[in-house]
Amino acid sequence: MNRNFSFLNSITDISEETFEKIKAISEFKRVDAGVQIVQHGENSSKVYMLVSGIVRCYLNTEDGKEFNKSFYLPVSFVASLTALMKKKPSMFVFETLTDCKLYEIDYYKLMNLCEDNINLKNLYNKILESLYVKYENRLVELISLDAKKRYLELRKQIPSVDELIPQYHIASYLGITAVQLSRIRKKMERH
């Protein structure tokens, strides 16, 4: 059985026929590290299913600072969803941190398929629900946890985060400087 078909079926039941329809609007791609798959201000029509590698999502400020919003690991869906739904330019940049393998899916063709296919619509809804839970959890972390606890939570979510993601990206995600992250790590090593 196809690994991707099994993954989608782990979210909700879909038929092989539905899977074939998704494949028909998808394109497999290998993307090198450091590539922006969605650029700031871009009107993208794509959503990505990441099957290997790491992607980060970040926001650029007017003075050139970057703030990491999220990290994506396999298998996950990557997109500037608000921009897609509202047909507006993306506020975020999505960049590959490592070499990645992904499926590029045409979002608008997917939405057309959802109109006629209840299983596909259920899959889309389940994915949206999981994204909402993820973002709600992230918001709670930012509001209620100090930097050390946010770092520990990130390590729980991504056990090898320190080997996979550069320190300055981790620090940005946590809302602290790289120096502060280094201090947190040193204190943790002592205890």
N, C-alpha and C. Protein backbone atom coordinates (compact mmCIF):
# COMPACT_ATOMS: atom_id res chain seq x y z
N MET A 1 0.85 -1.19 0.00
CA MET A 1 0.00 0.00 0.00
C MET A 1 0.89 1.25 0.00
N ASN A 2 0.50 2.26 -0.72
CA ASN A 2 1.23 3.51 -0.81
C ASN A 2 1.32 4.18 0.57
N ARG A 3 2.54 4.60 0.95
CA ARG A 3 2.78 5.24 2.25
C ARG A 3 1.96 6.52 2.42
N ASN A 4 1.85 7.31 1.36
CA ASN A 4 1.09 8.56 1.43
C ASN A 4 -0.41 8.29 1.56
N PHE A 5 -0.88 7.25 0.86
CA PHE A 5 -2.28 6.85 0.98
C PHE A 5 -2.55 6.42 2.43
N SER A 6 -1.65 5.66 3.01
CA SER A 6 -1.80 5.21 4.41
C SER A 6 -1.82 6.40 5.36
N PHE A 7 -0.92 7.36 5.11
CA PHE A 7 -0.89 8.55 5.97
C PHE A 7 -2.22 9.30 5.91
N LEU A 8 -2.72 9.57 4.71
CA LEU A 8 -3.99 10.29 4.59
C LEU A 8 -5.13 9.50 5.22
N ASN A 9 -5.10 8.18 5.09
CA ASN A 9 -6.12 7.34 5.70
C ASN A 9 -6.02 7.33 7.22
N SER A 10 -4.86 7.65 7.76
CA SER A 10 -4.73 7.73 9.22
C SER A 10 -5.44 8.97 9.77
N ILE A 11 -5.69 9.94 8.89
CA ILE A 11 -6.42 11.15 9.29
C ILE A 11 -7.91 10.91 9.22
N THR A 12 -8.35 10.37 8.11
CA THR A 12 -9.75 9.98 7.92
C THR A 12 -9.81 9.04 6.71
N ASP A 13 -10.85 8.25 6.64
CA ASP A 13 -10.96 7.29 5.55
C ASP A 13 -11.14 7.99 4.20
N ILE A 14 -10.28 7.62 3.27
CA ILE A 14 -10.45 8.05 1.89
C ILE A 14 -10.29 6.82 1.00
N SER A 15 -10.94 6.86 -0.13
CA SER A 15 -10.86 5.74 -1.06
C SER A 15 -9.63 5.88 -1.94
N GLU A 16 -9.28 4.78 -2.60
CA GLU A 16 -8.17 4.84 -3.56
C GLU A 16 -8.52 5.79 -4.70
N GLU A 17 -9.78 5.83 -5.07
CA GLU A 17 -10.23 6.74 -6.13
C GLU A 17 -9.99 8.20 -5.72
N THR A 18 -10.32 8.54 -4.47
CA THR A 18 -10.08 9.90 -3.96
C THR A 18 -8.59 10.19 -3.94
N PHE A 19 -7.79 9.22 -3.49
CA PHE A 19 -6.34 9.38 -3.46
C PHE A 19 -5.80 9.66 -4.87
N GLU A 20 -6.31 8.96 -5.85
CA GLU A 20 -5.88 9.17 -7.24
C GLU A 20 -6.22 10.59 -7.71
N LYS A 21 -7.35 11.12 -7.26
CA LYS A 21 -7.73 12.49 -7.63
C LYS A 21 -6.77 13.50 -7.00
N ILE A 22 -6.35 13.23 -5.76
CA ILE A 22 -5.38 14.11 -5.11
C ILE A 22 -4.04 14.03 -5.86
N LYS A 23 -3.63 12.82 -6.20
CA LYS A 23 -2.37 12.66 -6.94
C LYS A 23 -2.39 13.41 -8.26
N ALA A 24 -3.55 13.45 -8.91
CA ALA A 24 -3.67 14.09 -10.22
C ALA A 24 -3.44 15.61 -10.14
N ILE A 25 -3.65 16.21 -8.98
CA ILE A 25 -3.44 17.66 -8.83
C ILE A 25 -2.18 17.96 -8.02
N SER A 26 -1.34 16.93 -7.85
CA SER A 26 -0.11 17.05 -7.06
C SER A 26 1.11 16.80 -7.93
N GLU A 27 2.22 17.38 -7.50
CA GLU A 27 3.49 17.15 -8.18
C GLU A 27 4.57 16.91 -7.14
N PHE A 28 5.29 15.80 -7.26
CA PHE A 28 6.38 15.49 -6.34
C PHE A 28 7.58 16.37 -6.69
N LYS A 29 8.21 16.94 -5.64
CA LYS A 29 9.37 17.80 -5.87
C LYS A 29 10.44 17.53 -4.83
N ARG A 30 11.69 17.66 -5.28
CA ARG A 30 12.85 17.68 -4.39
C ARG A 30 13.32 19.13 -4.36
N VAL A 31 13.45 19.67 -3.15
CA VAL A 31 13.80 21.07 -3.02
C VAL A 31 15.05 21.18 -2.14
N ASP A 32 16.03 21.91 -2.61
CA ASP A 32 17.27 22.10 -1.85
C ASP A 32 17.04 22.94 -0.61
N ALA A 33 17.95 22.83 0.35
CA ALA A 33 17.91 23.68 1.54
C ALA A 33 18.05 25.14 1.14
N GLY A 34 17.37 26.01 1.88
CA GLY A 34 17.49 27.45 1.65
C GLY A 34 16.58 28.01 0.58
N VAL A 35 15.62 27.24 0.10
CA VAL A 35 14.70 27.71 -0.94
C VAL A 35 13.40 28.19 -0.31
N GLN A 36 12.97 29.37 -0.74
CA GLN A 36 11.68 29.89 -0.28
C GLN A 36 10.59 29.30 -1.17
N ILE A 37 9.81 28.38 -0.60
CA ILE A 37 8.74 27.77 -1.39
C ILE A 37 7.51 28.67 -1.44
N VAL A 38 7.39 29.57 -0.46
CA VAL A 38 6.39 30.65 -0.51
C VAL A 38 7.13 31.90 -0.06
N GLN A 39 7.05 32.95 -0.87
CA GLN A 39 7.73 34.19 -0.55
C GLN A 39 6.76 35.20 0.05
N HIS A 40 7.32 36.14 0.81
CA HIS A 40 6.51 37.22 1.37
C HIS A 40 5.88 38.00 0.22
N GLY A 41 4.59 38.25 0.33
CA GLY A 41 3.89 39.02 -0.70
C GLY A 41 3.45 38.22 -1.90
N GLU A 42 3.76 36.92 -1.90
CA GLU A 42 3.40 36.07 -3.03
C GLU A 42 1.94 35.65 -2.95
N ASN A 43 1.27 35.65 -4.07
CA ASN A 43 -0.08 35.09 -4.17
C ASN A 43 0.08 33.63 -4.60
N SER A 44 0.25 32.77 -3.63
CA SER A 44 0.48 31.36 -3.92
C SER A 44 -0.84 30.64 -4.15
N SER A 45 -0.77 29.56 -4.91
CA SER A 45 -1.95 28.71 -5.10
C SER A 45 -1.63 27.29 -4.65
N LYS A 46 -0.55 27.14 -3.89
CA LYS A 46 -0.06 25.80 -3.54
C LYS A 46 -0.10 25.53 -2.05
N VAL A 47 -0.34 24.25 -1.76
CA VAL A 47 -0.18 23.72 -0.42
C VAL A 47 0.78 22.55 -0.58
N TYR A 48 1.60 22.30 0.43
CA TYR A 48 2.63 21.27 0.32
C TYR A 48 2.44 20.20 1.37
N MET A 49 2.64 18.95 0.96
CA MET A 49 2.70 17.86 1.91
C MET A 49 4.18 17.49 2.02
N LEU A 50 4.77 17.80 3.16
CA LEU A 50 6.19 17.57 3.40
C LEU A 50 6.40 16.12 3.81
N VAL A 51 7.20 15.40 3.02
CA VAL A 51 7.45 13.98 3.32
C VAL A 51 8.85 13.74 3.87
N SER A 52 9.78 14.66 3.65
CA SER A 52 11.08 14.58 4.31
C SER A 52 11.69 15.97 4.35
N GLY A 53 12.51 16.21 5.40
CA GLY A 53 13.16 17.51 5.56
C GLY A 53 12.45 18.39 6.57
N ILE A 54 12.92 19.63 6.66
CA ILE A 54 12.37 20.61 7.61
C ILE A 54 12.13 21.92 6.88
N VAL A 55 10.98 22.52 7.15
CA VAL A 55 10.61 23.83 6.60
C VAL A 55 10.31 24.75 7.77
N ARG A 56 10.73 25.99 7.63
CA ARG A 56 10.35 26.98 8.65
C ARG A 56 9.43 28.00 8.02
N CYS A 57 8.59 28.59 8.86
CA CYS A 57 7.71 29.68 8.46
C CYS A 57 8.11 30.89 9.29
N TYR A 58 8.37 32.01 8.62
CA TYR A 58 8.78 33.19 9.38
C TYR A 58 8.18 34.46 8.81
N LEU A 59 8.25 35.49 9.63
CA LEU A 59 7.74 36.81 9.29
C LEU A 59 8.93 37.76 9.26
N ASN A 60 9.00 38.61 8.25
CA ASN A 60 10.02 39.65 8.15
C ASN A 60 9.43 40.97 8.62
N THR A 61 10.15 41.69 9.48
CA THR A 61 9.68 43.01 9.87
C THR A 61 10.25 44.04 8.90
N GLU A 62 9.76 45.26 8.97
CA GLU A 62 10.22 46.32 8.07
C GLU A 62 11.70 46.60 8.26
N ASP A 63 12.22 46.41 9.50
CA ASP A 63 13.64 46.67 9.74
C ASP A 63 14.52 45.45 9.46
N GLY A 64 13.94 44.42 8.83
CA GLY A 64 14.72 43.27 8.39
C GLY A 64 14.86 42.14 9.38
N LYS A 65 14.22 42.23 10.55
CA LYS A 65 14.29 41.14 11.51
C LYS A 65 13.36 40.01 11.09
N GLU A 66 13.78 38.79 11.42
CA GLU A 66 12.98 37.61 11.12
C GLU A 66 12.46 37.03 12.42
N PHE A 67 11.19 36.62 12.41
CA PHE A 67 10.59 35.94 13.55
C PHE A 67 10.00 34.63 13.08
N ASN A 68 10.54 33.54 13.58
CA ASN A 68 10.05 32.22 13.20
C ASN A 68 8.71 31.95 13.86
N LYS A 69 7.75 31.59 13.03
CA LYS A 69 6.41 31.27 13.53
C LYS A 69 6.27 29.78 13.81
N SER A 70 6.82 28.96 12.91
CA SER A 70 6.68 27.52 13.11
C SER A 70 7.72 26.76 12.31
N PHE A 71 7.91 25.50 12.74
CA PHE A 71 8.76 24.55 12.03
C PHE A 71 7.87 23.39 11.59
N TYR A 72 8.13 22.88 10.41
CA TYR A 72 7.36 21.75 9.88
C TYR A 72 8.30 20.59 9.67
N LEU A 73 7.90 19.43 10.16
CA LEU A 73 8.63 18.19 9.99
C LEU A 73 7.73 17.20 9.29
N PRO A 74 8.32 16.14 8.74
CA PRO A 74 7.49 15.14 8.06
C PRO A 74 6.56 14.42 9.04
N VAL A 75 5.46 14.01 8.68
CA VAL A 75 4.69 14.35 7.50
C VAL A 75 3.72 15.44 7.94
N SER A 76 3.78 16.58 7.28
CA SER A 76 2.89 17.67 7.65
C SER A 76 2.52 18.47 6.41
N PHE A 77 1.52 19.32 6.59
CA PHE A 77 1.06 20.17 5.50
C PHE A 77 1.55 21.59 5.74
N VAL A 78 2.07 22.19 4.68
CA VAL A 78 2.72 23.50 4.75
C VAL A 78 2.03 24.42 3.76
N ALA A 79 1.57 25.58 4.25
CA ALA A 79 0.94 26.55 3.36
C ALA A 79 0.67 27.84 4.11
N SER A 80 0.55 28.91 3.36
CA SER A 80 0.09 30.17 3.90
C SER A 80 -1.44 30.14 3.78
N LEU A 81 -2.06 29.45 4.71
CA LEU A 81 -3.48 29.12 4.59
C LEU A 81 -4.39 30.35 4.54
N THR A 82 -4.13 31.33 5.37
CA THR A 82 -4.95 32.54 5.35
C THR A 82 -4.86 33.22 3.99
N ALA A 83 -3.66 33.29 3.45
CA ALA A 83 -3.48 33.90 2.13
C ALA A 83 -4.23 33.12 1.06
N LEU A 84 -4.18 31.79 1.14
CA LEU A 84 -4.89 30.96 0.16
C LEU A 84 -6.41 31.15 0.27
N MET A 85 -6.91 31.08 1.50
CA MET A 85 -8.37 31.18 1.68
C MET A 85 -8.90 32.55 1.29
N LYS A 86 -8.12 33.60 1.56
CA LYS A 86 -8.58 34.96 1.25
C LYS A 86 -8.09 35.45 -0.12
N LYS A 87 -7.29 34.60 -0.79
CA LYS A 87 -6.71 34.97 -2.08
C LYS A 87 -5.95 36.29 -1.98
N LYS A 88 -5.10 36.36 -0.95
CA LYS A 88 -4.30 37.55 -0.66
C LYS A 88 -2.82 37.16 -0.65
N PRO A 89 -1.94 38.15 -0.74
CA PRO A 89 -0.51 37.85 -0.65
C PRO A 89 -0.14 37.29 0.73
N SER A 90 0.83 36.41 0.75
CA SER A 90 1.28 35.80 1.99
C SER A 90 2.04 36.81 2.85
N MET A 91 1.73 36.83 4.13
CA MET A 91 2.48 37.65 5.09
C MET A 91 3.76 36.94 5.50
N PHE A 92 3.81 35.62 5.27
CA PHE A 92 4.91 34.80 5.74
C PHE A 92 5.78 34.29 4.61
N VAL A 93 6.97 33.87 5.00
CA VAL A 93 7.89 33.19 4.11
C VAL A 93 8.00 31.75 4.60
N PHE A 94 7.96 30.79 3.68
CA PHE A 94 8.17 29.38 4.00
C PHE A 94 9.46 28.97 3.31
N GLU A 95 10.45 28.55 4.11
CA GLU A 95 11.78 28.27 3.60
C GLU A 95 12.24 26.88 4.04
N THR A 96 12.85 26.15 3.12
CA THR A 96 13.40 24.84 3.46
C THR A 96 14.69 25.04 4.26
N LEU A 97 14.76 24.41 5.44
CA LEU A 97 15.99 24.46 6.24
C LEU A 97 16.95 23.35 5.85
N THR A 98 16.41 22.28 5.29
CA THR A 98 17.20 21.15 4.82
C THR A 98 16.70 20.80 3.42
N ASP A 99 17.39 19.90 2.76
CA ASP A 99 16.85 19.36 1.51
C ASP A 99 15.52 18.70 1.85
N CYS A 100 14.52 18.90 1.02
CA CYS A 100 13.17 18.40 1.31
C CYS A 100 12.60 17.64 0.12
N LYS A 101 11.73 16.71 0.45
CA LYS A 101 10.88 16.05 -0.54
C LYS A 101 9.46 16.41 -0.17
N LEU A 102 8.71 16.85 -1.16
CA LEU A 102 7.34 17.27 -0.87
C LEU A 102 6.45 17.09 -2.08
N TYR A 103 5.18 17.10 -1.79
CA TYR A 103 4.18 17.11 -2.86
C TYR A 103 3.57 18.50 -2.90
N GLU A 104 3.58 19.10 -4.07
CA GLU A 104 2.98 20.40 -4.28
C GLU A 104 1.57 20.15 -4.81
N ILE A 105 0.58 20.67 -4.10
CA ILE A 105 -0.83 20.43 -4.44
C ILE A 105 -1.49 21.77 -4.77
N ASP A 106 -2.23 21.80 -5.84
CA ASP A 106 -2.96 23.01 -6.22
C ASP A 106 -4.16 23.17 -5.29
N TYR A 107 -4.10 24.19 -4.44
CA TYR A 107 -5.13 24.41 -3.41
C TYR A 107 -6.51 24.62 -4.02
N TYR A 108 -6.59 25.40 -5.08
CA TYR A 108 -7.91 25.72 -5.64
C TYR A 108 -8.54 24.53 -6.35
N LYS A 109 -7.71 23.71 -6.99
CA LYS A 109 -8.22 22.47 -7.56
C LYS A 109 -8.67 21.53 -6.45
N LEU A 110 -7.93 21.51 -5.35
CA LEU A 110 -8.31 20.70 -4.19
C LEU A 110 -9.68 21.15 -3.65
N MET A 111 -9.89 22.45 -3.55
CA MET A 111 -11.17 22.96 -3.05
C MET A 111 -12.30 22.58 -4.00
N ASN A 112 -12.04 22.61 -5.30
CA ASN A 112 -13.06 22.18 -6.27
C ASN A 112 -13.41 20.71 -6.08
N LEU A 113 -12.39 19.88 -5.85
CA LEU A 113 -12.64 18.46 -5.60
C LEU A 113 -13.44 18.24 -4.32
N CYS A 114 -13.17 19.07 -3.31
CA CYS A 114 -13.89 18.94 -2.03
C CYS A 114 -15.39 19.18 -2.18
N GLU A 115 -15.77 20.03 -3.13
CA GLU A 115 -17.19 20.33 -3.33
C GLU A 115 -17.99 19.08 -3.69
N ASP A 116 -17.37 18.16 -4.42
CA ASP A 116 -18.08 16.97 -4.90
C ASP A 116 -17.72 15.70 -4.15
N ASN A 117 -16.77 15.77 -3.20
CA ASN A 117 -16.28 14.56 -2.57
C ASN A 117 -16.27 14.72 -1.06
N ILE A 118 -17.24 14.10 -0.39
CA ILE A 118 -17.38 14.26 1.05
C ILE A 118 -16.17 13.71 1.81
N ASN A 119 -15.56 12.63 1.31
CA ASN A 119 -14.38 12.07 1.98
C ASN A 119 -13.21 13.05 1.93
N LEU A 120 -13.04 13.69 0.79
CA LEU A 120 -11.97 14.67 0.66
C LEU A 120 -12.26 15.90 1.52
N LYS A 121 -13.51 16.30 1.56
CA LYS A 121 -13.89 17.44 2.41
C LYS A 121 -13.64 17.10 3.88
N ASN A 122 -13.94 15.88 4.29
CA ASN A 122 -13.68 15.45 5.66
C ASN A 122 -12.18 15.46 5.96
N LEU A 123 -11.37 15.01 5.00
CA LEU A 123 -9.92 15.03 5.16
C LEU A 123 -9.44 16.46 5.36
N TYR A 124 -9.89 17.36 4.51
CA TYR A 124 -9.52 18.77 4.61
C TYR A 124 -9.91 19.34 5.97
N ASN A 125 -11.13 19.04 6.42
CA ASN A 125 -11.59 19.53 7.72
C ASN A 125 -10.74 18.98 8.87
N LYS A 126 -10.39 17.71 8.80
CA LYS A 126 -9.56 17.11 9.85
C LYS A 126 -8.18 17.76 9.90
N ILE A 127 -7.62 18.04 8.73
CA ILE A 127 -6.32 18.72 8.68
C ILE A 127 -6.43 20.12 9.27
N LEU A 128 -7.49 20.85 8.92
CA LEU A 128 -7.70 22.19 9.48
C LEU A 128 -7.85 22.12 11.00
N GLU A 129 -8.59 21.13 11.49
CA GLU A 129 -8.75 20.98 12.94
C GLU A 129 -7.41 20.75 13.63
N SER A 130 -6.58 19.91 13.05
CA SER A 130 -5.28 19.63 13.67
C SER A 130 -4.39 20.88 13.64
N LEU A 131 -4.46 21.66 12.56
CA LEU A 131 -3.70 22.91 12.49
C LEU A 131 -4.18 23.91 13.54
N TYR A 132 -5.48 23.97 13.72
CA TYR A 132 -6.04 24.90 14.72
C TYR A 132 -5.56 24.52 16.12
N VAL A 133 -5.59 23.24 16.44
CA VAL A 133 -5.13 22.77 17.75
C VAL A 133 -3.66 23.12 17.94
N LYS A 134 -2.86 22.91 16.90
CA LYS A 134 -1.43 23.22 16.97
C LYS A 134 -1.21 24.71 17.24
N TYR A 135 -1.91 25.57 16.51
CA TYR A 135 -1.75 27.01 16.70
C TYR A 135 -2.27 27.48 18.05
N GLU A 136 -3.35 26.88 18.52
CA GLU A 136 -3.87 27.23 19.83
C GLU A 136 -2.86 26.85 20.92
N ASN A 137 -2.26 25.67 20.80
CA ASN A 137 -1.24 25.24 21.77
C ASN A 137 -0.05 26.20 21.75
N ARG A 138 0.35 26.61 20.57
CA ARG A 138 1.49 27.55 20.44
C ARG A 138 1.17 28.87 21.11
N LEU A 139 -0.05 29.35 20.94
CA LEU A 139 -0.47 30.60 21.56
C LEU A 139 -0.44 30.49 23.08
N VAL A 140 -0.93 29.37 23.60
CA VAL A 140 -0.91 29.15 25.05
C VAL A 140 0.53 29.15 25.56
N GLU A 141 1.43 28.50 24.83
CA GLU A 141 2.85 28.49 25.23
C GLU A 141 3.41 29.90 25.30
N LEU A 142 3.15 30.70 24.26
CA LEU A 142 3.69 32.05 24.21
C LEU A 142 3.14 32.93 25.33
N ILE A 143 1.89 32.72 25.68
CA ILE A 143 1.25 33.54 26.70
C ILE A 143 1.63 33.12 28.12
N SER A 144 1.75 31.81 28.34
CA SER A 144 1.83 31.33 29.71
C SER A 144 3.17 30.74 30.15
N LEU A 145 4.08 30.46 29.22
CA LEU A 145 5.33 29.81 29.61
C LEU A 145 6.52 30.77 29.48
N ASP A 146 7.48 30.63 30.40
CA ASP A 146 8.70 31.40 30.26
C ASP A 146 9.57 30.76 29.17
N ALA A 147 10.68 31.39 28.84
CA ALA A 147 11.52 30.95 27.73
C ALA A 147 12.05 29.53 27.94
N LYS A 148 12.47 29.20 29.15
CA LYS A 148 13.00 27.86 29.41
C LYS A 148 11.92 26.81 29.18
N LYS A 149 10.72 27.06 29.66
CA LYS A 149 9.63 26.09 29.48
C LYS A 149 9.22 25.98 28.01
N ARG A 150 9.25 27.10 27.28
CA ARG A 150 8.95 27.06 25.85
C ARG A 150 10.00 26.20 25.12
N TYR A 151 11.26 26.36 25.53
CA TYR A 151 12.34 25.57 24.94
C TYR A 151 12.15 24.09 25.25
N LEU A 152 11.81 23.77 26.48
CA LEU A 152 11.58 22.37 26.86
C LEU A 152 10.40 21.79 26.08
N GLU A 153 9.37 22.57 25.89
CA GLU A 153 8.20 22.13 25.11
C GLU A 153 8.59 21.87 23.66
N LEU A 154 9.42 22.75 23.09
CA LEU A 154 9.88 22.55 21.72
C LEU A 154 10.71 21.27 21.63
N ARG A 155 11.55 21.02 22.63
CA ARG A 155 12.36 19.79 22.63
C ARG A 155 11.49 18.54 22.78
N LYS A 156 10.37 18.70 23.45
CA LYS A 156 9.43 17.58 23.56
C LYS A 156 8.77 17.31 22.19
N GLN A 157 8.42 18.38 21.48
CA GLN A 157 7.78 18.25 20.17
C GLN A 157 8.77 17.78 19.11
N ILE A 158 10.01 18.27 19.18
CA ILE A 158 11.05 17.92 18.22
C ILE A 158 12.28 17.48 19.03
N PRO A 159 12.34 16.21 19.43
CA PRO A 159 13.40 15.75 20.34
C PRO A 159 14.82 16.09 19.89
N SER A 160 15.11 16.09 18.61
CA SER A 160 16.47 16.38 18.14
C SER A 160 16.58 17.80 17.57
N VAL A 161 15.78 18.71 18.11
CA VAL A 161 15.72 20.08 17.58
C VAL A 161 17.10 20.74 17.54
N ASP A 162 17.92 20.49 18.56
CA ASP A 162 19.22 21.16 18.62
C ASP A 162 20.17 20.70 17.52
N GLU A 163 19.98 19.49 17.02
CA GLU A 163 20.81 18.99 15.92
C GLU A 163 20.21 19.35 14.56
N LEU A 164 18.91 19.51 14.51
CA LEU A 164 18.22 19.73 13.24
C LEU A 164 18.13 21.19 12.81
N ILE A 165 18.00 22.09 13.80
CA ILE A 165 17.67 23.49 13.51
C ILE A 165 18.73 24.40 14.13
N PRO A 166 19.26 25.35 13.36
CA PRO A 166 20.27 26.27 13.91
C PRO A 166 19.76 27.03 15.14
N GLN A 167 20.69 27.30 16.06
CA GLN A 167 20.35 27.94 17.33
C GLN A 167 19.61 29.27 17.13
N TYR A 168 20.04 30.08 16.17
CA TYR A 168 19.39 31.39 16.00
C TYR A 168 17.95 31.25 15.53
N HIS A 169 17.62 30.18 14.79
CA HIS A 169 16.23 29.94 14.39
C HIS A 169 15.41 29.47 15.59
N ILE A 170 15.99 28.63 16.42
CA ILE A 170 15.30 28.17 17.63
C ILE A 170 15.01 29.37 18.53
N ALA A 171 16.03 30.21 18.73
CA ALA A 171 15.86 31.39 19.59
C ALA A 171 14.75 32.30 19.06
N SER A 172 14.74 32.53 17.76
CA SER A 172 13.70 33.37 17.16
C SER A 172 12.32 32.77 17.40
N TYR A 173 12.21 31.46 17.24
CA TYR A 173 10.93 30.78 17.47
C TYR A 173 10.47 30.95 18.91
N LEU A 174 11.43 30.92 19.84
CA LEU A 174 11.11 31.05 21.26
C LEU A 174 10.86 32.50 21.68
N GLY A 175 11.21 33.44 20.81
CA GLY A 175 11.03 34.86 21.13
C GLY A 175 12.14 35.40 22.01
N ILE A 176 13.34 34.82 21.90
CA ILE A 176 14.49 35.26 22.69
C ILE A 176 15.69 35.41 21.76
N THR A 177 16.80 35.90 22.31
CA THR A 177 18.02 36.00 21.53
C THR A 177 18.80 34.69 21.59
N ALA A 178 19.74 34.52 20.69
CA ALA A 178 20.59 33.33 20.69
C ALA A 178 21.43 33.27 21.97
N VAL A 179 21.82 34.43 22.49
CA VAL A 179 22.58 34.49 23.75
C VAL A 179 21.72 33.97 24.90
N GLN A 180 20.47 34.40 24.96
CA GLN A 180 19.57 33.92 26.01
C GLN A 180 19.37 32.41 25.91
N LEU A 181 19.23 31.89 24.70
CA LEU A 181 19.08 30.46 24.52
C LEU A 181 20.33 29.73 24.99
N SER A 182 21.49 30.26 24.69
CA SER A 182 22.75 29.66 25.13
C SER A 182 22.81 29.59 26.65
N ARG A 183 22.38 30.65 27.31
CA ARG A 183 22.36 30.67 28.79
C ARG A 183 21.40 29.62 29.34
N ILE A 184 20.23 29.50 28.72
CA ILE A 184 19.26 28.50 29.17
C ILE A 184 19.85 27.11 29.04
N ARG A 185 20.49 26.84 27.92
CA ARG A 185 21.11 25.53 27.70
C ARG A 185 22.19 25.26 28.74
N LYS A 186 23.04 26.25 29.01
CA LYS A 186 24.13 26.06 29.98
C LYS A 186 23.57 25.76 31.38
N LYS A 187 22.52 26.50 31.78
CA LYS A 187 21.90 26.24 33.09
C LYS A 187 21.33 24.84 33.15
N MET A 188 20.73 24.41 32.05
CA MET A 188 20.15 23.06 32.02
C MET A 188 21.23 21.99 32.09
N GLU A 189 22.37 22.23 31.47
CA GLU A 189 23.47 21.26 31.49
C GLU A 189 24.03 21.10 32.90
N ARG A 190 24.03 22.18 33.68
CA ARG A 190 24.57 22.14 35.05
C ARG A 190 23.67 21.35 36.00
N HIS A 191 22.38 21.29 35.66
CA HIS A 191 21.44 20.63 36.59
C HIS A 191 21.15 19.22 36.18
